[in-house]
Amino acid sequence: MAPTLKQWKERWLQALRDAHGDLPDEELLRVHEEKRRQAVADREREHQRQNT
């Protein structure tokens, strides 16, 4: 049987805890979003650098 949405969410949150430490869920999501935005910005800068 496939995992439920609740099980997927808990697995995802556990992966975030493993990556960022044992923080409250809201803080984990904030840290994850900040790191995601930084990665996107880094990729965009690298793309601009390669195309100039």
PDB file of N, CA and C in Angstrom:
ATOM      1  N   MET A   1       0.844  -1.188   0.000  1.00  0.00           N
ATOM      2  CA  MET A   1       0.000   0.000   0.000  1.00  0.00           C
ATOM      3  C   MET A   1       0.890   1.253   0.000  1.00  0.00           C
ATOM      4  N   ALA A   2       0.504   2.248  -0.758  1.00  0.00           N
ATOM      5  CA  ALA A   2       1.272   3.486  -0.869  1.00  0.00           C
ATOM      6  C   ALA A   2       1.177   4.291   0.428  1.00  0.00           C
ATOM      7  N   PRO A   3       2.228   5.045   0.733  1.00  0.00           N
ATOM      8  CA  PRO A   3       2.184   5.892   1.930  1.00  0.00           C
ATOM      9  C   PRO A   3       1.091   6.954   1.816  1.00  0.00           C
ATOM     10  N   THR A   4       0.534   7.310   2.944  1.00  0.00           N
ATOM     11  CA  THR A   4      -0.478   8.364   2.971  1.00  0.00           C
ATOM     12  C   THR A   4       0.208   9.726   2.904  1.00  0.00           C
ATOM     13  N   LEU A   5      -0.569  10.753   2.637  1.00  0.00           N
ATOM     14  CA  LEU A   5      -0.028  12.106   2.608  1.00  0.00           C
ATOM     15  C   LEU A   5       0.616  12.454   3.952  1.00  0.00           C
ATOM     16  N   LYS A   6      -0.020  12.050   5.039  1.00  0.00           N
ATOM     17  CA  LYS A   6       0.524  12.317   6.371  1.00  0.00           C
ATOM     18  C   LYS A   6       1.885  11.636   6.541  1.00  0.00           C
ATOM     19  N   GLN A   7       2.013  10.399   6.046  1.00  0.00           N
ATOM     20  CA  GLN A   7       3.288   9.686   6.148  1.00  0.00           C
ATOM     21  C   GLN A   7       4.367  10.370   5.303  1.00  0.00           C
ATOM     22  N   TRP A   8       4.011  10.812   4.098  1.00  0.00           N
ATOM     23  CA  TRP A   8       4.971  11.523   3.254  1.00  0.00           C
ATOM     24  C   TRP A   8       5.431  12.811   3.934  1.00  0.00           C
ATOM     25  N   LYS A   9       4.474  13.546   4.520  1.00  0.00           N
ATOM     26  CA  LYS A   9       4.819  14.799   5.197  1.00  0.00           C
ATOM     27  C   LYS A   9       5.777  14.531   6.347  1.00  0.00           C
ATOM     28  N   GLU A  10       5.516  13.500   7.133  1.00  0.00           N
ATOM     29  CA  GLU A  10       6.387  13.188   8.264  1.00  0.00           C
ATOM     30  C   GLU A  10       7.779  12.774   7.785  1.00  0.00           C
ATOM     31  N   ARG A  11       7.843  12.019   6.705  1.00  0.00           N
ATOM     32  CA  ARG A  11       9.153  11.630   6.148  1.00  0.00           C
ATOM     33  C   ARG A  11       9.921  12.853   5.679  1.00  0.00           C
ATOM     34  N   TRP A  12       9.223  13.782   5.024  1.00  0.00           N
ATOM     35  CA  TRP A  12       9.852  14.999   4.529  1.00  0.00           C
ATOM     36  C   TRP A  12      10.358  15.846   5.697  1.00  0.00           C
ATOM     37  N   LEU A  13       9.509  15.994   6.718  1.00  0.00           N
ATOM     38  CA  LEU A  13       9.934  16.764   7.891  1.00  0.00           C
ATOM     39  C   LEU A  13      11.123  16.095   8.574  1.00  0.00           C
ATOM     40  N   GLN A  14      11.138  14.766   8.625  1.00  0.00           N
ATOM     41  CA  GLN A  14      12.268  14.063   9.233  1.00  0.00           C
ATOM     42  C   GLN A  14      13.541  14.298   8.424  1.00  0.00           C
ATOM     43  N   ALA A  15      13.429  14.310   7.115  1.00  0.00           N
ATOM     44  CA  ALA A  15      14.597  14.591   6.272  1.00  0.00           C
ATOM     45  C   ALA A  15      15.109  16.008   6.525  1.00  0.00           C
ATOM     46  N   LEU A  16      14.189  16.962   6.704  1.00  0.00           N
ATOM     47  CA  LEU A  16      14.604  18.327   7.032  1.00  0.00           C
ATOM     48  C   LEU A  16      15.282  18.372   8.394  1.00  0.00           C
ATOM     49  N   ARG A  17      14.745  17.636   9.371  1.00  0.00           N
ATOM     50  CA  ARG A  17      15.374  17.590  10.697  1.00  0.00           C
ATOM     51  C   ARG A  17      16.785  17.013  10.592  1.00  0.00           C
ATOM     52  N   ASP A  18      16.922  15.959   9.799  1.00  0.00           N
ATOM     53  CA  ASP A  18      18.237  15.343   9.622  1.00  0.00           C
ATOM     54  C   ASP A  18      19.222  16.324   8.993  1.00  0.00           C
ATOM     55  N   ALA A  19      18.738  17.152   8.065  1.00  0.00           N
ATOM     56  CA  ALA A  19      19.599  18.096   7.364  1.00  0.00           C
ATOM     57  C   ALA A  19      19.890  19.356   8.169  1.00  0.00           C
ATOM     58  N   HIS A  20      18.922  19.827   8.946  1.00  0.00           N
ATOM     59  CA  HIS A  20      19.042  21.139   9.585  1.00  0.00           C
ATOM     60  C   HIS A  20      19.030  21.103  11.108  1.00  0.00           C
ATOM     61  N   GLY A  21      18.936  19.943  11.693  1.00  0.00           N
ATOM     62  CA  GLY A  21      18.895  19.853  13.142  1.00  0.00           C
ATOM     63  C   GLY A  21      17.472  19.753  13.652  1.00  0.00           C
ATOM     64  N   ASP A  22      17.352  19.541  14.934  1.00  0.00           N
ATOM     65  CA  ASP A  22      16.042  19.318  15.550  1.00  0.00           C
ATOM     66  C   ASP A  22      15.413  20.656  15.929  1.00  0.00           C
ATOM     67  N   LEU A  23      14.758  21.279  14.949  1.00  0.00           N
ATOM     68  CA  LEU A  23      14.093  22.563  15.149  1.00  0.00           C
ATOM     69  C   LEU A  23      12.586  22.356  15.122  1.00  0.00           C
ATOM     70  N   PRO A  24      11.821  23.320  15.640  1.00  0.00           N
ATOM     71  CA  PRO A  24      10.361  23.241  15.487  1.00  0.00           C
ATOM     72  C   PRO A  24       9.993  23.214  13.999  1.00  0.00           C
ATOM     73  N   ASP A  25       8.872  22.592  13.666  1.00  0.00           N
ATOM     74  CA  ASP A  25       8.479  22.414  12.265  1.00  0.00           C
ATOM     75  C   ASP A  25       8.460  23.730  11.492  1.00  0.00           C
ATOM     76  N   GLU A  26       7.908  24.790  12.073  1.00  0.00           N
ATOM     77  CA  GLU A  26       7.835  26.074  11.369  1.00  0.00           C
ATOM     78  C   GLU A  26       9.227  26.612  11.066  1.00  0.00           C
ATOM     79  N   GLU A  27      10.150  26.448  11.997  1.00  0.00           N
ATOM     80  CA  GLU A  27      11.524  26.905  11.787  1.00  0.00           C
ATOM     81  C   GLU A  27      12.210  26.059  10.715  1.00  0.00           C
ATOM     82  N   LEU A  28      11.965  24.748  10.722  1.00  0.00           N
ATOM     83  CA  LEU A  28      12.519  23.880   9.678  1.00  0.00           C
ATOM     84  C   LEU A  28      12.066  24.341   8.302  1.00  0.00           C
ATOM     85  N   LEU A  29      10.782  24.643   8.169  1.00  0.00           N
ATOM     86  CA  LEU A  29      10.248  25.080   6.883  1.00  0.00           C
ATOM     87  C   LEU A  29      10.850  26.415   6.463  1.00  0.00           C
ATOM     88  N   ARG A  30      11.053  27.324   7.416  1.00  0.00           N
ATOM     89  CA  ARG A  30      11.653  28.625   7.107  1.00  0.00           C
ATOM     90  C   ARG A  30      13.093  28.448   6.631  1.00  0.00           C
ATOM     91  N   VAL A  31      13.868  27.638   7.358  1.00  0.00           N
ATOM     92  CA  VAL A  31      15.264  27.392   6.983  1.00  0.00           C
ATOM     93  C   VAL A  31      15.332  26.741   5.602  1.00  0.00           C
ATOM     94  N   HIS A  32      14.470  25.758   5.373  1.00  0.00           N
ATOM     95  CA  HIS A  32      14.448  25.072   4.082  1.00  0.00           C
ATOM     96  C   HIS A  32      14.143  26.052   2.950  1.00  0.00           C
ATOM     97  N   GLU A  33      13.163  26.917   3.147  1.00  0.00           N
ATOM     98  CA  GLU A  33      12.789  27.884   2.115  1.00  0.00           C
ATOM     99  C   GLU A  33      13.926  28.872   1.858  1.00  0.00           C
ATOM    100  N   GLU A  34      14.605  29.330   2.911  1.00  0.00           N
ATOM    101  CA  GLU A  34      15.739  30.242   2.733  1.00  0.00           C
ATOM    102  C   GLU A  34      16.839  29.577   1.913  1.00  0.00           C
ATOM    103  N   LYS A  35      17.162  28.330   2.244  1.00  0.00           N
ATOM    104  CA  LYS A  35      18.203  27.607   1.511  1.00  0.00           C
ATOM    105  C   LYS A  35      17.779  27.352   0.068  1.00  0.00           C
ATOM    106  N   ARG A  36      16.507  27.066  -0.159  1.00  0.00           N
ATOM    107  CA  ARG A  36      16.013  26.854  -1.522  1.00  0.00           C
ATOM    108  C   ARG A  36      16.143  28.137  -2.340  1.00  0.00           C
ATOM    109  N   ARG A  37      15.745  29.262  -1.758  1.00  0.00           N
ATOM    110  CA  ARG A  37      15.847  30.545  -2.464  1.00  0.00           C
ATOM    111  C   ARG A  37      17.297  30.887  -2.778  1.00  0.00           C
ATOM    112  N   GLN A  38      18.192  30.616  -1.832  1.00  0.00           N
ATOM    113  CA  GLN A  38      19.611  30.885  -2.056  1.00  0.00           C
ATOM    114  C   GLN A  38      20.152  30.018  -3.190  1.00  0.00           C
ATOM    115  N   ALA A  39      19.749  28.759  -3.231  1.00  0.00           N
ATOM    116  CA  ALA A  39      20.202  27.859  -4.299  1.00  0.00           C
ATOM    117  C   ALA A  39      19.700  28.338  -5.658  1.00  0.00           C
ATOM    118  N   VAL A  40      18.457  28.792  -5.713  1.00  0.00           N
ATOM    119  CA  VAL A  40      17.908  29.312  -6.971  1.00  0.00           C
ATOM    120  C   VAL A  40      18.693  30.551  -7.400  1.00  0.00           C
ATOM    121  N   ALA A  41      18.956  31.453  -6.475  1.00  0.00           N
ATOM    122  CA  ALA A  41      19.708  32.668  -6.796  1.00  0.00           C
ATOM    123  C   ALA A  41      21.121  32.319  -7.267  1.00  0.00           C
ATOM    124  N   ASP A  42      21.753  31.352  -6.619  1.00  0.00           N
ATOM    125  CA  ASP A  42      23.096  30.926  -7.025  1.00  0.00           C
ATOM    126  C   ASP A  42      23.087  30.368  -8.441  1.00  0.00           C
ATOM    127  N   ARG A  43      22.084  29.542  -8.754  1.00  0.00           N
ATOM    128  CA  ARG A  43      21.983  28.978 -10.107  1.00  0.00           C
ATOM    129  C   ARG A  43      21.758  30.077 -11.142  1.00  0.00           C
ATOM    130  N   GLU A  44      20.917  31.055 -10.805  1.00  0.00           N
ATOM    131  CA  GLU A  44      20.658  32.154 -11.737  1.00  0.00           C
ATOM    132  C   GLU A  44      21.923  32.973 -11.976  1.00  0.00           C
ATOM    133  N   ARG A  45      22.692  33.249 -10.920  1.00  0.00           N
ATOM    134  CA  ARG A  45      23.945  33.991 -11.074  1.00  0.00           C
ATOM    135  C   ARG A  45      24.933  33.205 -11.938  1.00  0.00           C
ATOM    136  N   GLU A  46      25.032  31.908 -11.707  1.00  0.00           N
ATOM    137  CA  GLU A  46      25.937  31.077 -12.498  1.00  0.00           C
ATOM    138  C   GLU A  46      25.495  31.057 -13.959  1.00  0.00           C
ATOM    139  N   HIS A  47      24.216  30.976 -14.200  1.00  0.00           N
ATOM    140  CA  HIS A  47      23.690  30.993 -15.564  1.00  0.00           C
ATOM    141  C   HIS A  47      24.029  32.325 -16.239  1.00  0.00           C
ATOM    142  N   GLN A  48      23.851  33.430 -15.527  1.00  0.00           N
ATOM    143  CA  GLN A  48      24.178  34.746 -16.074  1.00  0.00           C
ATOM    144  C   GLN A  48      25.674  34.848 -16.373  1.00  0.00           C
ATOM    145  N   ARG A  49      26.492  34.330 -15.473  1.00  0.00           N
ATOM    146  CA  ARG A  49      27.944  34.384 -15.651  1.00  0.00           C
ATOM    147  C   ARG A  49      28.354  33.608 -16.902  1.00  0.00           C
ATOM    148  N   GLN A  50      27.751  32.453 -17.116  1.00  0.00           N
ATOM    149  CA  GLN A  50      28.108  31.626 -18.265  1.00  0.00           C
ATOM    150  C   GLN A  50      27.621  32.222 -19.576  1.00  0.00           C
ATOM    151  N   ASN A  51      26.595  33.040 -19.524  1.00  0.00           N
ATOM    152  CA  ASN A  51      26.019  33.598 -20.748  1.00  0.00           C
ATOM    153  C   ASN A  51      26.469  35.024 -21.039  1.00  0.00           C
ATOM    154  N   THR A  52      27.504  35.491 -20.359  1.00  0.00           N
ATOM    155  CA  THR A  52      27.998  36.849 -20.640  1.00  0.00           C
ATOM    156  C   THR A  52      29.408  36.795 -21.162  1.00  0.00           C
TER     157      THR A  52
END
